[in-house]
Protein backbone atom coordinates (compact mmCIF):
# COMPACT_ATOMS: atom_id res chain seq x y z
CA MET A 1 0.00 0.00 0.00
CA SER A 2 1.42 3.39 -0.96
CA ARG A 3 0.53 6.57 0.96
CA ILE A 4 1.75 10.12 0.57
CA ASN A 5 0.29 11.96 3.60
CA THR A 6 1.56 9.50 6.21
CA ASN A 7 4.93 7.78 5.89
CA VAL A 8 4.80 5.17 8.67
CA GLN A 9 8.11 3.62 7.63
CA SER A 10 9.80 7.01 7.96
CA LEU A 11 8.35 7.47 11.43
CA ILE A 12 9.64 4.05 12.46
CA ALA A 13 13.06 4.81 11.01
CA GLN A 14 13.13 8.22 12.79
CA ARG A 15 12.23 6.65 16.15
CA THR A 16 14.87 3.98 15.72
CA LEU A 17 17.47 6.53 14.65
CA THR A 18 16.65 8.71 17.66
CA GLN A 19 17.05 5.76 20.02
CA ASN A 20 20.29 4.68 18.37
CA ASN A 21 21.64 8.24 18.60
CA PHE A 22 20.72 8.27 22.32
CA ASN A 23 22.50 4.98 22.90
CA LEU A 24 25.51 6.22 20.94
CA GLY A 25 25.62 9.42 23.01
CA GLN A 26 25.36 7.42 26.21
CA SER A 27 28.28 5.18 25.16
CA LEU A 28 30.35 8.23 24.24
CA GLU A 29 29.50 9.89 27.58
CA ARG A 30 30.46 6.80 29.60
CA LEU A 31 33.71 6.36 27.69
CA SER A 32 34.62 10.04 28.07
CA THR A 33 33.81 10.23 31.83
CA GLY A 34 34.77 6.67 32.74
CA LEU A 35 31.53 6.39 34.72
CA ARG A 36 28.59 4.12 34.10
CA ILE A 37 26.34 6.31 36.24
CA ASN A 38 26.55 10.03 35.37
CA ARG A 39 23.07 11.06 36.51
CA GLY A 40 20.25 9.59 38.54
CA LYS A 41 18.30 8.26 35.56
CA ASP A 42 21.24 6.07 34.51
CA ASP A 43 20.64 3.80 37.54
CA PRO A 44 18.67 5.28 40.48
CA ALA A 45 19.40 2.45 42.91
CA GLY A 46 23.02 2.23 41.80
CA LEU A 47 23.45 5.99 42.29
CA ILE A 48 22.20 5.77 45.89
CA ALA A 49 24.51 2.84 46.66
CA SER A 50 27.55 4.41 45.00
CA GLN A 51 27.05 7.76 46.79
CA ARG A 52 26.82 5.98 50.12
CA LEU A 53 29.95 3.97 49.40
CA ASP A 54 31.74 7.11 48.25
CA SER A 55 30.83 8.82 51.52
CA GLU A 56 32.13 5.85 53.51
CA ALA A 57 35.36 5.82 51.50
CA LYS A 58 35.91 9.54 52.17
CA ALA A 59 35.32 9.00 55.91
CA ILE A 60 37.70 6.04 55.99
CA GLY A 61 40.35 8.08 54.17
CA ALA A 62 39.96 10.86 56.73
CA ALA A 63 40.27 8.32 59.57
CA ILE A 64 43.55 7.06 58.06
CA SER A 65 44.76 10.66 57.94
CA ASN A 66 43.71 11.09 61.59
CA ALA A 67 45.62 7.97 62.59
CA ASN A 68 48.75 9.20 60.84
CA ARG A 69 48.37 12.55 62.56
CA ALA A 70 47.98 10.81 65.93
CA ASP A 71 51.19 8.90 65.24
CA GLN A 72 52.98 12.20 64.62
CA VAL A 73 51.64 13.67 67.87
CA VAL A 74 52.81 10.66 69.86
CA ASN A 75 56.19 10.74 68.12
CA ILE A 76 56.77 14.27 69.38
CA ALA A 77 55.67 13.35 72.91
CA GLU A 78 57.94 10.29 72.82
CA GLY A 79 60.86 12.46 71.77
CA GLY A 80 60.38 14.69 74.81
CA LEU A 81 59.99 11.72 77.15
CA ASN A 82 63.12 10.13 75.74
CA GLU A 83 65.09 13.25 76.69
CA VAL A 84 63.54 13.31 80.17
CA SER A 85 64.40 9.63 80.62
CA GLY A 86 68.05 10.31 79.77
CA LEU A 87 68.16 13.20 82.23
CA LEU A 88 66.72 11.05 85.02
CA THR A 89 69.35 8.40 84.40
CA GLU A 90 72.02 11.10 84.66
CA LEU A 91 70.39 12.28 87.89
CA GLN A 92 70.57 8.78 89.33
CA GLY A 93 74.30 8.65 88.70
CA LEU A 94 74.88 12.01 90.38
CA VAL A 95 73.02 10.98 93.54
CA THR A 96 74.91 7.69 93.73
CA ASN A 97 78.19 9.52 93.21
CA THR A 98 77.39 12.02 95.96
CA ALA A 99 76.51 9.22 98.40
CA ASN A 100 80.24 8.39 98.42
CA SER A 101 80.63 11.14 101.02
CA ALA A 102 83.99 10.05 102.40
CA GLY A 103 85.56 10.35 98.97
CA LEU A 104 84.06 13.73 97.99
CA SER A 105 84.86 17.21 99.15
CA ASP A 106 82.16 19.74 99.92
CA ASP A 107 83.00 21.59 96.73
CA GLU A 108 82.41 18.42 94.69
CA LYS A 109 79.05 17.91 96.39
CA LYS A 110 78.09 21.48 95.57
CA ALA A 111 79.17 20.95 91.97
CA ASN A 112 77.00 17.84 91.78
CA GLN A 113 74.08 19.82 93.20
CA LEU A 114 74.56 22.45 90.50
CA GLN A 115 74.28 19.71 87.89
CA ILE A 116 71.19 18.32 89.60
CA ASP A 117 69.57 21.77 89.62
CA SER A 118 70.36 22.16 85.92
CA ILE A 119 68.85 18.76 85.14
CA LEU A 120 65.70 19.54 87.12
CA GLN A 121 65.29 22.84 85.29
CA THR A 122 65.79 21.11 81.95
CA ILE A 123 63.16 18.47 82.75
CA ASP A 124 60.67 21.22 83.53
CA ARG A 125 61.64 23.07 80.36
CA VAL A 126 61.21 19.96 78.20
CA SER A 127 57.84 19.14 79.78
CA GLY A 128 56.65 22.68 79.12
CA ALA A 129 58.07 23.06 75.62
CA THR A 130 57.13 19.77 73.97
CA ALA A 131 54.19 20.67 71.75
CA PHE A 132 52.37 19.85 68.51
CA GLN A 133 51.06 22.88 66.61
CA GLY A 134 51.14 24.88 69.82
CA LYS A 135 49.33 22.27 71.93
CA LYS A 136 51.46 21.23 74.91
CA LEU A 137 51.86 17.49 75.25
CA LEU A 138 53.75 16.85 78.49
CA ASN A 139 52.62 19.62 80.86
CA GLY A 140 49.31 18.02 81.86
CA THR A 141 47.20 19.56 79.09
CA LEU A 142 46.34 16.06 77.85
CA ASP A 143 45.77 14.64 81.33
CA TYR A 144 42.27 13.89 82.67
CA THR A 145 40.50 16.13 85.14
CA THR A 146 38.77 14.51 88.10
CA SER A 147 36.59 15.38 91.04
CA SER A 148 35.10 13.75 94.13
CA VAL A 149 38.15 11.58 94.81
CA ALA A 150 37.34 9.29 97.73
CA ALA A 151 39.43 9.47 100.89
CA GLY A 152 39.97 5.72 100.57
CA VAL A 153 41.91 6.20 97.30
CA SER A 154 45.50 7.16 98.11
CA THR A 155 46.68 7.55 94.49
CA TYR A 156 45.15 7.04 91.06
CA LYS A 157 45.99 7.22 87.38
CA VAL A 158 43.53 7.70 84.53
CA ASN A 159 45.29 6.43 81.42
CA GLY A 160 42.26 6.49 79.14
CA ALA A 161 38.54 7.21 79.31
CA LYS A 162 35.88 7.74 76.67
CA LEU A 163 33.51 10.53 77.62
CA SER A 164 30.47 11.06 75.42
CA ASN A 165 29.52 14.60 74.40
CA GLY A 166 31.48 16.33 77.13
CA GLY A 167 29.88 14.22 79.86
CA THR A 168 31.43 12.74 82.98
CA LEU A 169 32.25 9.19 84.04
CA ALA A 170 31.92 7.90 87.59
CA VAL A 171 34.53 5.32 88.61
CA GLN A 172 33.21 2.89 91.20
CA ALA A 173 35.15 0.05 92.81
CA LEU A 174 34.03 -2.98 94.76
CA VAL A 175 36.59 -4.66 97.03
CA THR A 176 35.81 -8.38 97.07
CA ARG A 177 38.97 -9.62 98.80
CA SER A 178 41.28 -7.75 101.12
CA ALA A 179 44.92 -6.94 100.51
CA GLN A 180 47.26 -8.37 103.11
CA ASN A 181 50.82 -8.12 104.31
CA ALA A 182 52.81 -11.25 104.79
CA GLY A 183 53.25 -11.90 108.50
CA LEU A 184 54.47 -14.26 111.24
CA PHE A 185 54.39 -14.12 115.02
CA LEU A 186 57.52 -15.03 116.99
CA SER A 187 56.64 -16.06 120.52
CA THR A 188 59.59 -15.64 122.88
CA ASN A 189 57.55 -15.70 126.11
CA GLY A 190 59.12 -12.40 127.12
CA ALA A 191 62.89 -12.02 127.26
CA LEU A 192 64.90 -14.84 125.67
CA ASN A 193 65.50 -17.68 128.09
CA LEU A 194 68.39 -19.82 126.87
CA GLY A 195 68.44 -21.94 130.01
CA GLY A 196 71.24 -19.99 131.64
CA THR A 197 73.76 -21.12 129.02
CA ASN A 198 76.22 -18.96 127.16
CA GLY A 199 74.65 -19.99 123.89
CA SER A 200 73.05 -17.69 121.37
CA PHE A 201 69.71 -17.58 119.63
CA SER A 202 70.21 -17.02 115.90
CA VAL A 203 67.60 -16.66 113.14
CA GLU A 204 67.54 -15.54 109.53
CA VAL A 205 64.76 -13.10 108.66
CA ALA A 206 64.01 -12.74 104.94
CA GLY A 207 61.58 -10.67 102.91
CA ALA A 208 61.01 -9.48 99.36
CA GLN A 209 63.96 -7.09 99.58
CA GLY A 210 66.55 -9.45 101.04
CA SER A 211 67.59 -11.33 104.16
CA ARG A 212 69.62 -10.76 107.31
CA GLN A 213 70.83 -13.04 110.10
CA PHE A 214 70.33 -11.89 113.69
CA THR A 215 71.99 -13.35 116.81
CA PHE A 216 70.83 -12.60 120.36
CA ALA A 217 72.03 -13.56 123.83
CA SER A 218 69.97 -14.90 126.69
CA GLY A 219 67.88 -12.21 128.37
CA THR A 220 67.41 -10.11 125.23
CA THR A 221 63.99 -8.50 125.39
CA ALA A 222 61.43 -8.61 122.60
CA ALA A 223 61.73 -4.82 122.28
CA SER A 224 65.48 -5.13 121.62
CA ILE A 225 64.85 -7.81 118.99
CA VAL A 226 62.28 -5.51 117.35
CA THR A 227 64.78 -2.64 117.25
CA ALA A 228 67.44 -4.85 115.67
CA ILE A 229 65.11 -6.17 112.97
CA ASN A 230 63.67 -2.74 112.18
CA SER A 231 67.13 -1.28 111.67
CA PHE A 232 67.38 -3.49 108.56
CA LYS A 233 63.79 -3.29 107.30
CA THR A 234 64.84 -1.37 104.18
CA VAL A 235 67.22 -4.24 103.43
CA THR A 236 64.83 -7.11 104.15
CA GLY A 237 61.42 -5.57 103.48
CA VAL A 238 60.30 -6.89 106.89
CA SER A 239 59.32 -4.77 109.90
CA ALA A 240 58.81 -5.87 113.49
CA LEU A 241 56.42 -4.84 116.25
CA ALA A 242 56.42 -5.95 119.90
CA SER A 243 53.17 -7.74 120.65
CA GLY A 244 52.05 -9.75 123.68
CA THR A 245 54.53 -12.50 124.50
CA GLY A 246 56.76 -11.83 121.52
CA LEU A 247 56.88 -9.87 118.30
CA LYS A 248 55.01 -9.70 115.03
CA LEU A 249 56.92 -9.66 111.73
CA ALA A 250 55.19 -8.16 108.71
CA SER A 251 56.19 -7.27 105.17
CA THR A 252 56.55 -3.53 104.65
CA GLU A 253 54.32 -3.75 101.56
CA PHE A 254 51.09 -5.51 100.61
CA GLY A 255 50.59 -8.16 97.96
CA SER A 256 51.38 -11.65 96.78
CA SER A 257 54.92 -10.66 95.82
CA GLN A 258 55.68 -9.97 99.48
CA PHE A 259 56.70 -12.61 101.98
CA VAL A 260 58.15 -13.09 105.45
CA SER A 261 60.43 -16.03 106.18
CA VAL A 262 62.05 -17.01 109.47
CA LYS A 263 64.73 -19.69 109.52
CA THR A 264 66.35 -20.98 112.72
CA ILE A 265 70.14 -21.06 112.63
CA SER A 266 70.62 -21.85 116.32
CA THR A 267 67.98 -22.25 119.04
CA GLY A 268 70.50 -21.67 121.85
CA GLY A 269 68.41 -24.04 123.95
CA ILE A 270 65.53 -21.57 124.19
CA THR A 271 62.84 -22.56 126.64
CA GLY A 272 59.49 -21.19 127.70
CA THR A 273 55.80 -21.80 127.39
CA GLY A 274 54.53 -21.62 123.82
CA VAL A 275 57.80 -20.36 122.27
CA GLY A 276 57.95 -20.81 118.50
CA ILE A 277 56.72 -19.41 115.21
CA TYR A 278 53.03 -18.88 114.49
CA GLY A 279 51.04 -17.80 111.50
CA LEU A 280 48.50 -14.98 111.81
CA THR A 281 44.76 -15.44 111.50
CA THR A 282 43.22 -14.51 108.16
CA THR A 283 40.42 -12.52 109.79
CA ASN A 284 42.62 -10.57 112.21
CA PHE A 285 46.17 -9.84 111.19
CA ALA A 286 47.03 -8.81 114.77
CA THR A 287 46.20 -12.24 116.24
CA ALA A 288 48.39 -15.34 116.17
CA ASN A 289 46.89 -18.57 114.87
CA THR A 290 47.56 -20.91 117.77
CA GLY A 291 46.94 -23.93 115.60
CA SER A 292 49.93 -23.13 113.37
CA ALA A 293 52.72 -23.44 115.92
CA THR A 294 56.19 -24.45 114.75
CA THR A 295 58.93 -24.78 117.32
CA PHE A 296 62.20 -22.99 116.65
CA ALA A 297 63.91 -26.36 116.57
CA ASN A 298 61.67 -27.44 113.69
CA ALA A 299 62.20 -24.23 111.70
CA THR A 300 65.69 -25.02 110.40
CA ASN A 301 64.26 -25.10 106.86
CA GLY A 302 62.31 -21.92 107.42
CA VAL A 303 58.69 -20.94 108.01
CA ARG A 304 57.22 -18.65 105.36
CA ASP A 305 54.07 -16.62 104.83
CA ALA A 306 53.08 -14.72 101.68
CA GLY A 307 50.95 -11.60 101.32
CA GLN A 308 47.79 -11.21 99.30
CA ASP A 309 46.71 -8.85 96.53
CA VAL A 310 43.47 -6.94 96.79
CA GLN A 311 40.66 -8.30 94.63
CA ALA A 312 38.23 -5.81 93.17
CA THR A 313 35.99 -4.85 90.30
CA ILE A 314 35.99 -1.38 88.74
CA ASN A 315 32.81 -0.30 86.96
CA GLY A 316 31.78 -3.95 86.84
CA ILE A 317 35.02 -5.18 85.27
CA THR A 318 37.28 -7.57 87.19
CA ALA A 319 40.50 -5.72 87.91
CA THR A 320 44.06 -6.97 87.82
CA ALA A 321 45.74 -6.33 91.15
CA ASN A 322 49.13 -5.82 92.71
CA GLY A 323 49.15 -5.23 96.43
CA LYS A 324 46.66 -2.46 97.19
CA THR A 325 46.47 -1.36 93.54
CA ALA A 326 43.70 -2.45 91.17
CA ARG A 327 43.54 -1.66 87.46
CA VAL A 328 41.17 -2.19 84.56
CA ASN A 329 42.20 -1.62 80.96
CA THR A 330 39.33 -1.69 78.49
CA ASP A 331 38.48 0.18 75.30
CA PHE A 332 36.32 2.59 77.30
CA LEU A 333 38.22 2.91 80.59
CA ASP A 334 41.85 2.46 81.62
CA VAL A 335 42.24 3.45 85.26
CA GLU A 336 44.49 2.43 88.15
CA LEU A 337 43.44 2.88 91.78
CA THR A 338 45.63 2.44 94.87
CA PHE A 339 43.55 2.11 98.02
CA THR A 340 44.47 3.13 101.52
CA ASN A 341 45.32 0.38 104.01
CA SER A 342 41.90 0.44 105.65
CA VAL A 343 39.89 0.45 102.41
CA SER A 344 42.02 -2.27 100.82
CA GLN A 345 41.25 -4.49 103.81
CA THR A 346 37.53 -3.76 104.01
CA LEU A 347 35.11 -5.55 101.72
CA GLY A 348 32.63 -3.19 100.13
CA SER A 349 32.04 -0.55 97.47
CA VAL A 350 34.04 2.64 96.98
CA ASN A 351 32.88 5.66 94.97
CA ALA A 352 36.46 6.21 93.86
CA LEU A 353 36.28 9.36 91.71
CA THR A 354 34.56 11.09 88.81
CA ILE A 355 36.32 11.80 85.52
CA THR A 356 35.09 15.19 84.37
CA GLY A 357 37.05 15.76 81.16
CA GLY A 358 40.47 16.10 79.58
CA GLY A 359 42.56 13.52 77.78
CA ALA A 360 43.58 13.32 74.13
CA ASP A 361 40.83 12.09 71.81
CA PHE A 362 41.68 10.66 68.39
CA GLN A 363 39.00 9.81 65.81
CA LEU A 364 40.30 6.58 64.28
CA ALA A 365 37.16 5.29 62.55
CA GLY A 366 34.96 6.50 59.75
CA ASN A 367 31.86 6.78 61.95
CA VAL A 368 32.02 9.68 64.38
CA ASP A 369 30.77 8.04 67.54
CA ILE A 370 32.18 6.93 70.88
CA ALA A 371 33.10 3.51 69.51
CA GLY A 372 35.31 5.03 66.83
CA LYS A 373 37.14 7.29 69.27
CA VAL A 374 40.35 6.39 71.10
CA SER A 375 41.20 8.33 74.25
CA LEU A 376 44.62 8.65 75.84
CA GLY A 377 45.80 10.45 78.95
CA VAL A 378 49.30 11.95 79.18
CA GLY A 379 50.21 13.20 82.63
CA ASN A 380 52.34 16.13 83.66
CA VAL A 381 56.03 15.17 83.76
CA ALA A 382 57.13 18.33 85.57
CA ILE A 383 59.44 17.70 88.54
CA ARG A 384 56.69 18.59 91.01
CA ASN A 385 54.53 15.73 89.71
CA ILE A 386 56.79 12.69 89.19
CA GLY A 387 58.75 10.39 91.47
CA GLY A 388 56.37 10.54 94.42
CA ASN A 389 57.65 8.54 97.41
CA THR A 390 56.66 8.71 101.07
CA ASN A 391 59.54 9.54 103.41
CA SER A 392 60.12 8.18 106.91
CA SER A 393 57.84 10.89 108.32
CA GLY A 394 54.97 9.88 106.07
CA VAL A 395 55.30 12.90 103.78
CA LEU A 396 54.94 12.35 100.04
CA GLU A 397 57.91 13.91 98.24
CA TYR A 398 58.52 14.44 94.51
CA LEU A 399 61.48 15.03 92.23
CA ASN A 400 61.59 18.75 92.99
CA SER A 401 62.68 17.86 96.56
CA LEU A 402 66.18 17.21 95.13
CA GLY A 403 66.70 20.88 94.27
CA SER A 404 68.94 23.26 96.19
CA GLY A 405 67.49 24.15 99.57
CA GLN A 406 64.98 21.28 99.41
CA THR A 407 64.81 18.33 101.78
CA ASN A 408 66.61 15.84 99.53
CA ASN A 409 69.39 17.98 98.07
CA VAL A 410 72.69 16.11 97.95
CA VAL A 411 74.66 18.71 99.93
CA THR A 412 72.80 18.69 103.25
CA SER A 413 70.45 15.69 103.05
CA THR A 414 71.12 12.80 105.39
CA ASP A 415 68.83 10.41 103.51
CA LEU A 416 70.06 10.05 99.95
CA ALA A 417 68.30 6.68 99.83
CA GLN A 418 65.02 8.63 99.71
CA ALA A 419 66.39 10.75 96.86
CA GLN A 420 67.32 7.60 94.95
CA LYS A 421 63.87 6.10 95.50
CA ILE A 422 62.24 9.26 94.16
CA ILE A 423 64.44 9.15 91.05
CA GLY A 424 63.71 5.44 90.63
CA ASN A 425 59.97 6.08 90.84
CA ALA A 426 60.29 8.93 88.32
CA ILE A 427 62.20 6.67 85.91
CA THR A 428 59.50 4.02 86.29
CA GLU A 429 56.71 6.53 85.67
CA VAL A 430 58.35 8.00 82.57
CA SER A 431 59.26 4.60 81.13
CA THR A 432 55.72 3.33 81.82
CA LEU A 433 54.28 6.35 80.01
CA ARG A 434 56.65 5.76 77.09
CA GLY A 435 55.55 2.12 77.03
CA ARG A 436 51.89 3.13 76.92
CA LEU A 437 52.53 5.56 74.09
CA GLY A 438 54.58 2.96 72.25
CA ALA A 439 51.84 0.37 72.60
CA PHE A 440 49.33 2.95 71.36
CA GLN A 441 51.47 3.61 68.28
CA LYS A 442 52.26 -0.02 67.52
CA ASN A 443 48.99 -1.73 68.33
CA THR A 444 46.23 0.86 68.19
CA ILE A 445 47.45 3.17 65.43
CA GLY A 446 49.33 0.51 63.45
CA ALA A 447 46.46 -1.96 63.46
CA THR A 448 43.94 0.80 62.76
CA VAL A 449 45.83 2.07 59.71
CA ARG A 450 46.18 -1.45 58.33
CA SER A 451 42.53 -2.37 58.87
CA LEU A 452 41.28 0.96 57.54
CA GLY A 453 43.51 0.53 54.48
CA VAL A 454 41.84 -2.80 53.71
CA ALA A 455 38.39 -1.29 54.34
CA LEU A 456 39.18 1.60 52.00
CA GLU A 457 40.29 -0.81 49.26
CA ASN A 458 37.15 -2.93 49.57
CA THR A 459 34.80 0.06 49.80
CA THR A 460 36.38 1.73 46.77
CA ALA A 461 36.23 -1.55 44.83
CA ALA A 462 32.54 -1.94 45.67
CA GLU A 463 31.82 1.62 44.56
CA SER A 464 33.81 1.10 41.36
CA SER A 465 31.89 -2.04 40.47
CA ILE A 466 28.64 -0.06 40.68
CA LYS A 467 29.58 3.35 39.29
CA ASP A 468 32.54 2.96 36.95
CA ALA A 469 32.17 2.15 33.27
CA ASN A 470 33.33 -1.18 31.86
CA PHE A 471 35.49 0.02 28.95
CA ALA A 472 35.47 -3.31 27.14
CA GLU A 473 31.68 -3.46 27.29
CA GLU A 474 31.19 0.22 26.43
CA THR A 475 33.63 0.04 23.50
CA ALA A 476 31.69 -2.87 22.06
CA SER A 477 28.45 -0.98 22.66
CA LEU A 478 29.90 2.11 20.94
CA THR A 479 30.80 0.13 17.83
CA ARG A 480 27.39 -1.50 17.76
CA ASN A 481 25.59 1.85 18.20
CA GLN A 482 27.69 3.51 15.52
CA ILE A 483 26.69 0.78 13.04
CA LEU A 484 23.03 1.00 14.07
CA VAL A 485 23.04 4.80 13.63
CA GLN A 486 24.52 4.47 10.17
CA ALA A 487 22.01 1.74 9.27
CA ALA A 488 19.06 3.73 10.64
CA THR A 489 20.20 6.84 8.71
CA ASN A 490 20.33 4.87 5.49
CA VAL A 491 16.94 3.24 6.16
CA LEU A 492 15.42 6.66 6.95
CA GLY A 493 16.62 7.88 3.56
CA LEU A 494 15.01 4.92 1.88
CA ALA A 495 11.78 5.39 3.83
CA ASN A 496 11.61 9.05 2.80
CA GLN A 497 11.94 8.04 -0.85
CA ALA A 498 9.02 5.53 -0.67
CA PRO A 499 6.17 8.12 -1.20
CA GLN A 500 7.78 9.20 -4.41
CA GLN A 501 6.96 5.77 -5.79
CA ALA A 502 3.23 6.60 -5.46
CA LEU A 503 3.60 9.53 -7.82
CA ARG A 504 4.36 7.14 -10.64
CA LEU A 505 0.76 5.98 -10.51
CA LEU A 506 -0.30 9.47 -11.77
CA GLN A 507 1.89 9.27 -14.85
């Protein structure tokens, strides 16, 4: 059938050509942009998925950048602590050198004190100057702030705590087992009675610090024995106290690492009612356990008692303990509490303290929430804050007490052992802080960067599979569409010529 007014074949050819031109344009667009999805109509669901994956990839990339920045911050802090550590070691040598008083003149002591003063000033200068982009790192700026510290908590350290939206965190402890000294009771039934002989009573007393042998004559009172043992308590780690018919021996510290041992070297023929070595009752450390008697004659291999660590939970988490100190280390809270003697030996709950803010927060995950945040506390390493040790008068002294005119200066001090303990504590504190920062770098930051790197690869690959163009497929499609456009153009030309055939019927 031939028509002139309506050329259906031409319309079909036009529609097909238009579609082929659209497909050709789409192939050219995808090949030129490298993307399969350039606008929402290309693939609505795919666009939503690819945008979400792109957002996740950007967040993960930022988290990797944050982790690398955190590593740089810790590197700077570690550099400052390394210098402080070296200065403390130098300080230790100067104190030990000055203790050789018989071999040093007063001028040499004064020269050593000048060096000590210079070292102390340098430590304070390093702690105040170590900074990252103006933010101080070692002067307590990154330490946690606390309030409502219980009287039963003698010392504490907050190494890490996650606080949500500027809130606070209450730290509550529950003592479930008491801390104990090691202890034994030596019953002498008053003054030593060696049966009127010229013999001697000799025992070896040992503790966690060392041992010492003591020898006493007949008639020596319990008070004299106590004085002799206490004169060496810094050597043995064992103190003595006159009690009832004899004396009580106790470790100077609490915990399972402490012990008291008494070994008989010579009984000297000691006589008397109930003389011997007794353990102490578990419920009352001041009372001898009469059922645990060991005669001095049967103690040639020694009688020993060990201390006990406190057992506690902190915020519902079972704590690791050492003596009177309990610590929990979780992703949300890393805190160490040292209880007073009375609290560590009393079962019950303790509202230890409240963490009100502070610390260094690092965002090491793509999602900005408390789970993706890592918090770290860095204390003040100024000389007034490190090395704390209680002196013989019960006063807590710090590294600044070694300065000129202070109680532990090496020129006038009569107790350089206290100065050395303070320095030793300071070295331990600084090295512990360096260890925490090192573990944070190696384990937290290192593992985070590696895991985030894998997540970024997988997320980017998933996005690419949805959004990016497949060049092999699009090239084939381009060739096909080019051929179809050419064919449709030719067909359209033929279709447009068809009506002319009808005119021949009029000839």
